[in-house]
C-alpha atoms as a PDB file:
ATOM      1  CA  MET A   1     -27.273  13.744 -16.415  1.00  0.00           C
ATOM      2  CA  ILE A   2     -25.619  11.220 -18.731  1.00  0.00           C
ATOM      3  CA  ASP A   3     -22.666   9.540 -17.125  1.00  0.00           C
ATOM      4  CA  PHE A   4     -20.953   6.187 -17.010  1.00  0.00           C
ATOM      5  CA  GLU A   5     -19.790   3.848 -14.313  1.00  0.00           C
ATOM      6  CA  LEU A   6     -16.427   2.136 -13.884  1.00  0.00           C
ATOM      7  CA  VAL A   7     -15.432  -0.741 -11.638  1.00  0.00           C
ATOM      8  CA  VAL A   8     -12.572   0.676  -9.557  1.00  0.00           C
ATOM      9  CA  PRO A   9     -10.101  -1.811  -7.988  1.00  0.00           C
ATOM     10  CA  ASP A  10      -9.319  -1.873  -4.291  1.00  0.00           C
ATOM     11  CA  GLY A  11      -6.617   0.626  -3.433  1.00  0.00           C
ATOM     12  CA  TRP A  12      -7.793   3.164  -6.028  1.00  0.00           C
ATOM     13  CA  VAL A  13      -9.805   6.356  -5.566  1.00  0.00           C
ATOM     14  CA  GLN A  14     -11.957   8.341  -7.996  1.00  0.00           C
ATOM     15  CA  ILE A  15     -12.013  12.034  -7.087  1.00  0.00           C
ATOM     16  CA  PRO A  16     -14.694  14.336  -8.588  1.00  0.00           C
ATOM     17  CA  THR A  17     -13.371  17.285 -10.600  1.00  0.00           C
ATOM     18  CA  ALA A  18     -16.514  18.562 -12.342  1.00  0.00           C
ATOM     19  CA  PRO A  19     -17.556  22.210 -11.913  1.00  0.00           C
ATOM     20  CA  GLY A  20     -19.012  22.876  -8.488  1.00  0.00           C
ATOM     21  CA  THR A  21     -17.060  20.101  -6.759  1.00  0.00           C
ATOM     22  CA  ALA A  22     -14.039  22.136  -5.596  1.00  0.00           C
ATOM     23  CA  THR A  23     -15.037  22.029  -1.922  1.00  0.00           C
ATOM     24  CA  LEU A  24     -15.792  18.314  -2.041  1.00  0.00           C
ATOM     25  CA  ARG A  25     -12.552  17.716  -3.965  1.00  0.00           C
ATOM     26  CA  ARG A  26     -10.459  19.377  -1.265  1.00  0.00           C
ATOM     27  CA  LYS A  27     -12.274  17.420   1.419  1.00  0.00           C
ATOM     28  CA  VAL A  28     -11.732  14.133  -0.412  1.00  0.00           C
ATOM     29  CA  VAL A  29      -8.011  14.881  -0.859  1.00  0.00           C
ATOM     30  CA  ASP A  30      -7.686  15.627   2.861  1.00  0.00           C
ATOM     31  CA  GLU A  31      -9.611  12.470   3.717  1.00  0.00           C
ATOM     32  CA  VAL A  32      -7.468  10.352   1.381  1.00  0.00           C
ATOM     33  CA  ILE A  33      -4.314  11.602   3.089  1.00  0.00           C
ATOM     34  CA  ARG A  34      -5.776  11.145   6.574  1.00  0.00           C
ATOM     35  CA  HIS A  35      -6.816   7.597   5.736  1.00  0.00           C
ATOM     36  CA  HIS A  36      -3.635   6.454   4.005  1.00  0.00           C
ATOM     37  CA  VAL A  37      -1.161   8.311   6.196  1.00  0.00           C
ATOM     38  CA  PRO A  38      -2.824   8.206   9.642  1.00  0.00           C
ATOM     39  CA  ASP A  39      -1.802  10.485  12.491  1.00  0.00           C
ATOM     40  CA  SER A  40      -0.697   7.431  14.468  1.00  0.00           C
ATOM     41  CA  LEU A  41       2.430   7.111  12.305  1.00  0.00           C
ATOM     42  CA  PRO A  42       5.721   8.698  13.453  1.00  0.00           C
ATOM     43  CA  ARG A  43       5.698  12.395  12.508  1.00  0.00           C
ATOM     44  CA  ASP A  44       9.277  12.464  11.171  1.00  0.00           C
ATOM     45  CA  SER A  45       8.604   9.732   8.597  1.00  0.00           C
ATOM     46  CA  ALA A  46       4.928  10.393   7.876  1.00  0.00           C
ATOM     47  CA  GLY A  47       5.242  14.184   7.489  1.00  0.00           C
ATOM     48  CA  PRO A  48       7.242  14.212   4.210  1.00  0.00           C
ATOM     49  CA  TRP A  49       5.073  11.433   2.791  1.00  0.00           C
ATOM     50  CA  ARG A  50       1.902  13.316   3.723  1.00  0.00           C
ATOM     51  CA  ARG A  51       3.137  16.533   2.064  1.00  0.00           C
ATOM     52  CA  MET A  52       4.170  14.695  -1.106  1.00  0.00           C
ATOM     53  CA  LEU A  53       0.833  12.898  -1.357  1.00  0.00           C
ATOM     54  CA  HIS A  54      -1.068  16.166  -0.849  1.00  0.00           C
ATOM     55  CA  LYS A  55       0.974  17.863  -3.597  1.00  0.00           C
ATOM     56  CA  GLU A  56       0.455  14.923  -5.951  1.00  0.00           C
ATOM     57  CA  LEU A  57      -3.297  14.650  -5.430  1.00  0.00           C
ATOM     58  CA  THR A  58      -3.871  18.408  -5.618  1.00  0.00           C
ATOM     59  CA  ALA A  59      -1.892  18.715  -8.850  1.00  0.00           C
ATOM     60  CA  ALA A  60      -3.690  15.770 -10.460  1.00  0.00           C
ATOM     61  CA  THR A  61      -7.175  16.973  -9.549  1.00  0.00           C
ATOM     62  CA  GLU A  62      -6.518  20.596 -10.521  1.00  0.00           C
ATOM     63  CA  GLU A  63      -5.209  19.451 -13.905  1.00  0.00           C
ATOM     64  CA  ALA A  64      -8.323  17.312 -14.376  1.00  0.00           C
ATOM     65  CA  ALA A  65     -10.558  20.271 -13.483  1.00  0.00           C
ATOM     66  CA  ARG A  66      -8.751  22.505 -15.996  1.00  0.00           C
ATOM     67  CA  GLN A  67      -9.414  19.926 -18.695  1.00  0.00           C
ATOM     68  CA  ASN A  68     -13.118  19.792 -17.777  1.00  0.00           C
ATOM     69  CA  ALA A  69     -12.858  16.167 -16.671  1.00  0.00           C
ATOM     70  CA  ARG A  70     -15.576  14.808 -14.418  1.00  0.00           C
ATOM     71  CA  SER A  71     -13.145  12.883 -12.246  1.00  0.00           C
ATOM     72  CA  VAL A  72      -9.584  11.657 -11.901  1.00  0.00           C
ATOM     73  CA  LEU A  73      -8.792   8.044 -11.095  1.00  0.00           C
ATOM     74  CA  LEU A  74      -5.647   7.296  -9.092  1.00  0.00           C
ATOM     75  CA  PRO A  75      -3.993   4.193  -7.629  1.00  0.00           C
ATOM     76  CA  LEU A  76      -2.943   4.849  -4.035  1.00  0.00           C
ATOM     77  CA  GLN A  77      -1.771   1.547  -2.647  1.00  0.00           C
ATOM     78  CA  GLU A  78       1.446  -0.247  -3.522  1.00  0.00           C
ATOM     79  CA  PHE A  79       1.428  -3.406  -5.593  1.00  0.00           C
ATOM     80  CA  SER A  80       4.343  -5.792  -4.995  1.00  0.00           C
ATOM     81  CA  GLY A  81       6.191  -2.958  -3.258  1.00  0.00           C
ATOM     82  CA  VAL A  82       5.785  -0.493  -6.150  1.00  0.00           C
ATOM     83  CA  ARG A  83       3.474   2.502  -6.403  1.00  0.00           C
ATOM     84  CA  LEU A  84       1.708   2.526  -9.745  1.00  0.00           C
ATOM     85  CA  PRO A  85       2.927   5.595 -11.679  1.00  0.00           C
ATOM     86  CA  GLY A  86      -0.219   6.681 -13.455  1.00  0.00           C
ATOM     87  CA  SER A  87      -3.546   8.501 -13.442  1.00  0.00           C
ATOM     88  CA  MET A  88      -6.687   8.612 -15.567  1.00  0.00           C
ATOM     89  CA  LEU A  89      -8.905  11.549 -16.537  1.00  0.00           C
ATOM     90  CA  VAL A  90     -12.577  10.676 -16.988  1.00  0.00           C
ATOM     91  CA  THR A  91     -14.637  12.998 -19.198  1.00  0.00           C
ATOM     92  CA  VAL A  92     -18.126  12.970 -20.726  1.00  0.00           C
ATOM     93  CA  ILE A  93     -18.711  15.084 -23.823  1.00  0.00           C
ATOM     94  CA  GLU A  94     -22.390  15.714 -24.488  1.00  0.00           C
ATOM     95  CA  GLY A  95     -23.464  16.726 -28.000  1.00  0.00           C
ATOM     96  CA  ASP A  96     -26.779  16.733 -29.847  1.00  0.00           C
ATOM     97  CA  ASP A  97     -28.833  14.354 -31.978  1.00  0.00           C
ATOM     98  CA  GLU A  98     -27.505  15.889 -35.192  1.00  0.00           C
ATOM     99  CA  ALA A  99     -23.860  15.222 -34.338  1.00  0.00           C
ATOM    100  CA  GLU A 100     -21.659  13.367 -36.788  1.00  0.00           C
ATOM    101  CA  ASP A 101     -22.270   9.630 -37.063  1.00  0.00           C
ATOM    102  CA  ALA A 102     -20.264   7.785 -34.407  1.00  0.00           C
ATOM    103  CA  GLU A 103     -18.774   5.198 -36.754  1.00  0.00           C
ATOM    104  CA  ARG A 104     -17.677   7.901 -39.181  1.00  0.00           C
ATOM    105  CA  LEU A 105     -16.053   9.933 -36.426  1.00  0.00           C
ATOM    106  CA  LEU A 106     -14.278   6.878 -35.019  1.00  0.00           C
ATOM    107  CA  ALA A 107     -13.018   6.009 -38.490  1.00  0.00           C
ATOM    108  CA  SER A 108     -11.566   9.522 -38.756  1.00  0.00           C
ATOM    109  CA  ILE A 109      -9.821   9.147 -35.383  1.00  0.00           C
ATOM    110  CA  LEU A 110      -8.396   5.788 -36.483  1.00  0.00           C
ATOM    111  CA  ALA A 111      -7.126   7.256 -39.727  1.00  0.00           C
ATOM    112  CA  ASP A 112      -5.319  10.042 -37.881  1.00  0.00           C
ATOM    113  CA  ALA A 113      -3.872   7.614 -35.317  1.00  0.00           C
ATOM    114  CA  GLY A 114      -2.450   5.184 -37.873  1.00  0.00           C
ATOM    115  CA  ASP A 115      -0.670   2.247 -36.221  1.00  0.00           C
ATOM    116  CA  ASP A 116      -1.269   3.810 -32.784  1.00  0.00           C
ATOM    117  CA  GLY A 117      -5.038   3.300 -33.007  1.00  0.00           C
ATOM    118  CA  SER A 118      -7.300   0.264 -32.708  1.00  0.00           C
ATOM    119  CA  TYR A 119     -11.048  -0.295 -32.984  1.00  0.00           C
ATOM    120  CA  LEU A 120     -12.954  -2.190 -30.292  1.00  0.00           C
ATOM    121  CA  GLU A 121     -16.252  -2.381 -28.414  1.00  0.00           C
ATOM    122  CA  ILE A 122     -16.707  -1.377 -24.782  1.00  0.00           C
ATOM    123  CA  GLY A 123     -19.947  -2.131 -22.992  1.00  0.00           C
ATOM    124  CA  GLY A 124     -21.588  -2.902 -26.322  1.00  0.00           C
ATOM    125  CA  ALA A 125     -20.603   0.490 -27.773  1.00  0.00           C
ATOM    126  CA  PRO A 126     -18.073   1.161 -30.555  1.00  0.00           C
ATOM    127  CA  ALA A 127     -14.829   2.727 -29.382  1.00  0.00           C
ATOM    128  CA  VAL A 128     -11.288   3.560 -30.417  1.00  0.00           C
ATOM    129  CA  ARG A 129      -8.093   3.218 -28.382  1.00  0.00           C
ATOM    130  CA  VAL A 130      -5.105   5.427 -29.248  1.00  0.00           C
ATOM    131  CA  ALA A 131      -1.763   4.820 -27.532  1.00  0.00           C
ATOM    132  CA  SER A 132       1.434   6.813 -28.011  1.00  0.00           C
ATOM    133  CA  VAL A 133       4.716   7.604 -26.268  1.00  0.00           C
ATOM    134  CA  VAL A 134       4.900  11.287 -25.337  1.00  0.00           C
ATOM    135  CA  SER A 135       7.350  13.674 -23.715  1.00  0.00           C
ATOM    136  CA  SER A 136       7.187  14.155 -19.940  1.00  0.00           C
ATOM    137  CA  GLY A 137       8.721  17.636 -20.065  1.00  0.00           C
ATOM    138  CA  ARG A 138       5.434  19.160 -18.895  1.00  0.00           C
ATOM    139  CA  ILE A 139       5.958  17.549 -15.497  1.00  0.00           C
ATOM    140  CA  GLU A 140       9.730  18.122 -15.549  1.00  0.00           C
ATOM    141  CA  ARG A 141      10.753  14.532 -16.219  1.00  0.00           C
ATOM    142  CA  LYS A 142      13.269  13.407 -18.828  1.00  0.00           C
ATOM    143  CA  ALA A 143      11.883   9.902 -19.307  1.00  0.00           C
ATOM    144  CA  PRO A 144       8.909   9.604 -21.696  1.00  0.00           C
ATOM    145  CA  SER A 145       5.383   8.566 -20.749  1.00  0.00           C
ATOM    146  CA  TRP A 146       2.672   6.469 -22.301  1.00  0.00           C
ATOM    147  CA  ARG A 147      -0.580   8.267 -23.062  1.00  0.00           C
ATOM    148  CA  VAL A 148      -3.601   6.147 -23.911  1.00  0.00           C
ATOM    149  CA  SER A 149      -6.947   7.660 -24.894  1.00  0.00           C
ATOM    150  CA  TYR A 150     -10.252   5.869 -25.315  1.00  0.00           C
ATOM    151  CA  TYR A 151     -13.096   7.410 -27.323  1.00  0.00           C
ATOM    152  CA  VAL A 152     -16.305   5.564 -26.417  1.00  0.00           C
ATOM    153  CA  SER A 153     -19.620   6.399 -28.081  1.00  0.00           C
ATOM    154  CA  ASN A 154     -22.964   6.257 -26.299  1.00  0.00           C
ATOM    155  CA  PRO A 155     -25.271   4.135 -28.507  1.00  0.00           C
ATOM    156  CA  ASP A 156     -28.376   5.520 -26.812  1.00  0.00           C
ATOM    157  CA  ALA A 157     -27.410   9.208 -26.970  1.00  0.00           C
ATOM    158  CA  PRO A 158     -25.986  10.300 -30.345  1.00  0.00           C
ATOM    159  CA  GLY A 159     -23.265  12.915 -29.967  1.00  0.00           C
ATOM    160  CA  THR A 160     -22.384  11.853 -26.419  1.00  0.00           C
ATOM    161  CA  TRP A 161     -18.924  10.432 -25.840  1.00  0.00           C
ATOM    162  CA  GLY A 162     -16.818   9.094 -23.035  1.00  0.00           C
ATOM    163  CA  LEU A 163     -13.191  10.187 -23.174  1.00  0.00           C
ATOM    164  CA  LEU A 164     -10.845   8.333 -20.851  1.00  0.00           C
ATOM    165  CA  THR A 165      -7.173   9.262 -20.984  1.00  0.00           C
ATOM    166  CA  PHE A 166      -4.559   7.659 -18.798  1.00  0.00           C
ATOM    167  CA  THR A 167      -0.873   8.453 -18.495  1.00  0.00           C
ATOM    168  CA  VAL A 168       1.756   5.998 -17.298  1.00  0.00           C
ATOM    169  CA  LEU A 169       5.222   7.264 -16.402  1.00  0.00           C
ATOM    170  CA  THR A 170       8.347   5.295 -17.274  1.00  0.00           C
ATOM    171  CA  ASP A 171      12.018   5.298 -16.313  1.00  0.00           C
ATOM    172  CA  GLY A 172      13.024   5.381 -19.971  1.00  0.00           C
ATOM    173  CA  ASP A 173      12.133   1.839 -21.040  1.00  0.00           C
ATOM    174  CA  VAL A 174       8.614   2.214 -22.413  1.00  0.00           C
ATOM    175  CA  ASP A 175       8.340  -1.532 -23.023  1.00  0.00           C
ATOM    176  CA  ALA A 176       9.427  -2.575 -19.537  1.00  0.00           C
ATOM    177  CA  GLU A 177       7.269  -5.325 -18.039  1.00  0.00           C
ATOM    178  CA  PRO A 178       6.116  -3.269 -15.006  1.00  0.00           C
ATOM    179  CA  VAL A 179       5.070  -0.403 -17.288  1.00  0.00           C
ATOM    180  CA  GLN A 180       3.095  -2.729 -19.549  1.00  0.00           C
ATOM    181  CA  ALA A 181       1.469  -4.322 -16.501  1.00  0.00           C
ATOM    182  CA  VAL A 182       0.256  -0.919 -15.277  1.00  0.00           C
ATOM    183  CA  MET A 183      -1.119  -0.111 -18.733  1.00  0.00           C
ATOM    184  CA  LEU A 184      -2.931  -3.436 -18.828  1.00  0.00           C
ATOM    185  CA  LEU A 185      -4.561  -2.688 -15.482  1.00  0.00           C
ATOM    186  CA  PHE A 186      -5.822   0.684 -16.751  1.00  0.00           C
ATOM    187  CA  ASP A 187      -7.091  -1.037 -19.908  1.00  0.00           C
ATOM    188  CA  MET A 188      -9.007  -3.551 -17.798  1.00  0.00           C
ATOM    189  CA  ILE A 189     -10.683  -0.734 -15.835  1.00  0.00           C
ATOM    190  CA  VAL A 190     -11.849   0.887 -19.083  1.00  0.00           C
ATOM    191  CA  THR A 191     -13.465  -2.371 -20.230  1.00  0.00           C
ATOM    192  CA  THR A 192     -15.830  -2.143 -17.227  1.00  0.00           C
ATOM    193  CA  LEU A 193     -17.404   1.081 -18.556  1.00  0.00           C
ATOM    194  CA  ARG A 194     -21.180   1.041 -18.668  1.00  0.00           C
ATOM    195  CA  TRP A 195     -23.321   4.020 -19.653  1.00  0.00           C
ATOM    196  CA  SER A 196     -25.955   5.156 -17.172  1.00  0.00           C
ATOM    197  CA  ASN A 197     -28.262   8.050 -16.402  1.00  0.00           C
ATOM    198  CA  ARG A 198     -27.794   9.755 -13.058  1.00  0.00           C
ATOM    199  CA  VAL A 199     -30.241  12.290 -11.710  1.00  0.00           C
ATOM    200  CA  ASP A 200     -27.640  13.699  -9.328  1.00  0.00           C
ATOM    201  CA  VAL A 201     -23.867  13.823  -9.172  1.00  0.00           C
ATOM    202  CA  PRO A 202     -22.261  11.381  -6.694  1.00  0.00           C
ATOM    203  CA  THR A 203     -22.814  12.412  -3.117  1.00  0.00           C
ATOM    204  CA  GLU A 204     -20.054  13.139  -0.674  1.00  0.00           C
ATOM    205  CA  GLU A 205     -20.915   9.907   1.132  1.00  0.00           C
ATOM    206  CA  GLU A 206     -20.558   7.895  -2.087  1.00  0.00           C
ATOM    207  CA  VAL A 207     -17.145   9.346  -2.833  1.00  0.00           C
ATOM    208  CA  LEU A 208     -15.775   8.951   0.690  1.00  0.00           C
ATOM    209  CA  ALA A 209     -17.138   5.415   0.936  1.00  0.00           C
ATOM    210  CA  GLN A 210     -14.383   4.287  -1.415  1.00  0.00           C
ATOM    211  CA  LEU A 211     -11.839   5.113   1.262  1.00  0.00           C
ATOM    212  CA  ALA A 212     -13.529   3.159   4.034  1.00  0.00           C
ATOM    213  CA  GLU A 213     -12.744  -0.151   2.316  1.00  0.00           C
ATOM    214  CA  GLN A 214      -9.046   0.549   1.794  1.00  0.00           C
ATOM    215  CA  GLU A 215      -6.098  -0.174   4.045  1.00  0.00           C
ATOM    216  CA  PRO A 216      -3.788   2.667   5.150  1.00  0.00           C
ATOM    217  CA  LEU A 217      -0.374   2.892   3.503  1.00  0.00           C
ATOM    218  CA  GLN A 218       1.381   2.268   6.785  1.00  0.00           C
ATOM    219  CA  THR A 219       4.371   0.417   5.319  1.00  0.00           C
ATOM    220  CA  ALA A 220       5.050   3.032   2.650  1.00  0.00           C
ATOM    221  CA  ALA A 221       4.531   5.945   4.998  1.00  0.00           C
ATOM    222  CA  ALA A 222       6.778   4.482   7.656  1.00  0.00           C
ATOM    223  CA  ALA A 223       9.534   4.025   5.082  1.00  0.00           C
ATOM    224  CA  GLY A 224       9.201   7.607   3.848  1.00  0.00           C
ATOM    225  CA  PRO A 225       8.584   9.113   0.411  1.00  0.00           C
ATOM    226  CA  GLY A 226      11.791   7.746  -1.072  1.00  0.00           C
ATOM    227  CA  SER A 227      10.835   4.119  -0.550  1.00  0.00           C
ATOM    228  CA  GLY A 228      10.240   1.670  -3.336  1.00  0.00           C
ATOM    229  CA  PRO A 229      11.996   1.456  -6.724  1.00  0.00           C
ATOM    230  CA  ASP A 230       9.411   3.658  -8.435  1.00  0.00           C
ATOM    231  CA  ALA A 231       8.859   6.165  -5.638  1.00  0.00           C
ATOM    232  CA  LYS A 232      10.252   8.947  -7.821  1.00  0.00           C
ATOM    233  CA  ASN A 233       7.519   8.264 -10.385  1.00  0.00           C
ATOM    234  CA  SER A 234       4.696   9.071  -7.979  1.00  0.00           C
END
């Protein structure tokens, strides 16, 4: 199976959403919550946080599954007291050898994107980045969001593409420094993409191993779900 690898920062988790992973997905979500909001925390403060995190992770992974994404990438830990308000869908689109030339297709995407698009190379492969400000009405928010999509060709498998789309929520100021910092972090993750061939999908042990190296969100959980200036953006 053609796939690609990403270097995921500490405090992030990549949850599988491909067909056939529903049971594993639910187990990973439960394990994420158990790890980041441990039972040792006071029930009155940890309970609301645990329910909110479960709702957030379930919604994000179900949306990724509906869009036929292979996984969803989420930041879980706080950075400088702020939870990063974003998520990334990771998708592989497999075509055939007679698919349209990659450079021609990328040129068409760039033409449609206008000033929102840019050409670049990722892992030695040609790619296009398209960034735009979009409405957040779908998730019942008034403030707009940034949506950034990367179209990355596979130079060794014509017709095969990596599609990585991340969304970053805002409080109305789309150019605010914290928002741009979050976008830059997502951009840096995308630059680590490397194509690979996997015989099997990631095992349960591989997925859960990401959690073993992370620290529980004890400070955030103890403060409750309303803590932090961007808590409402979770």
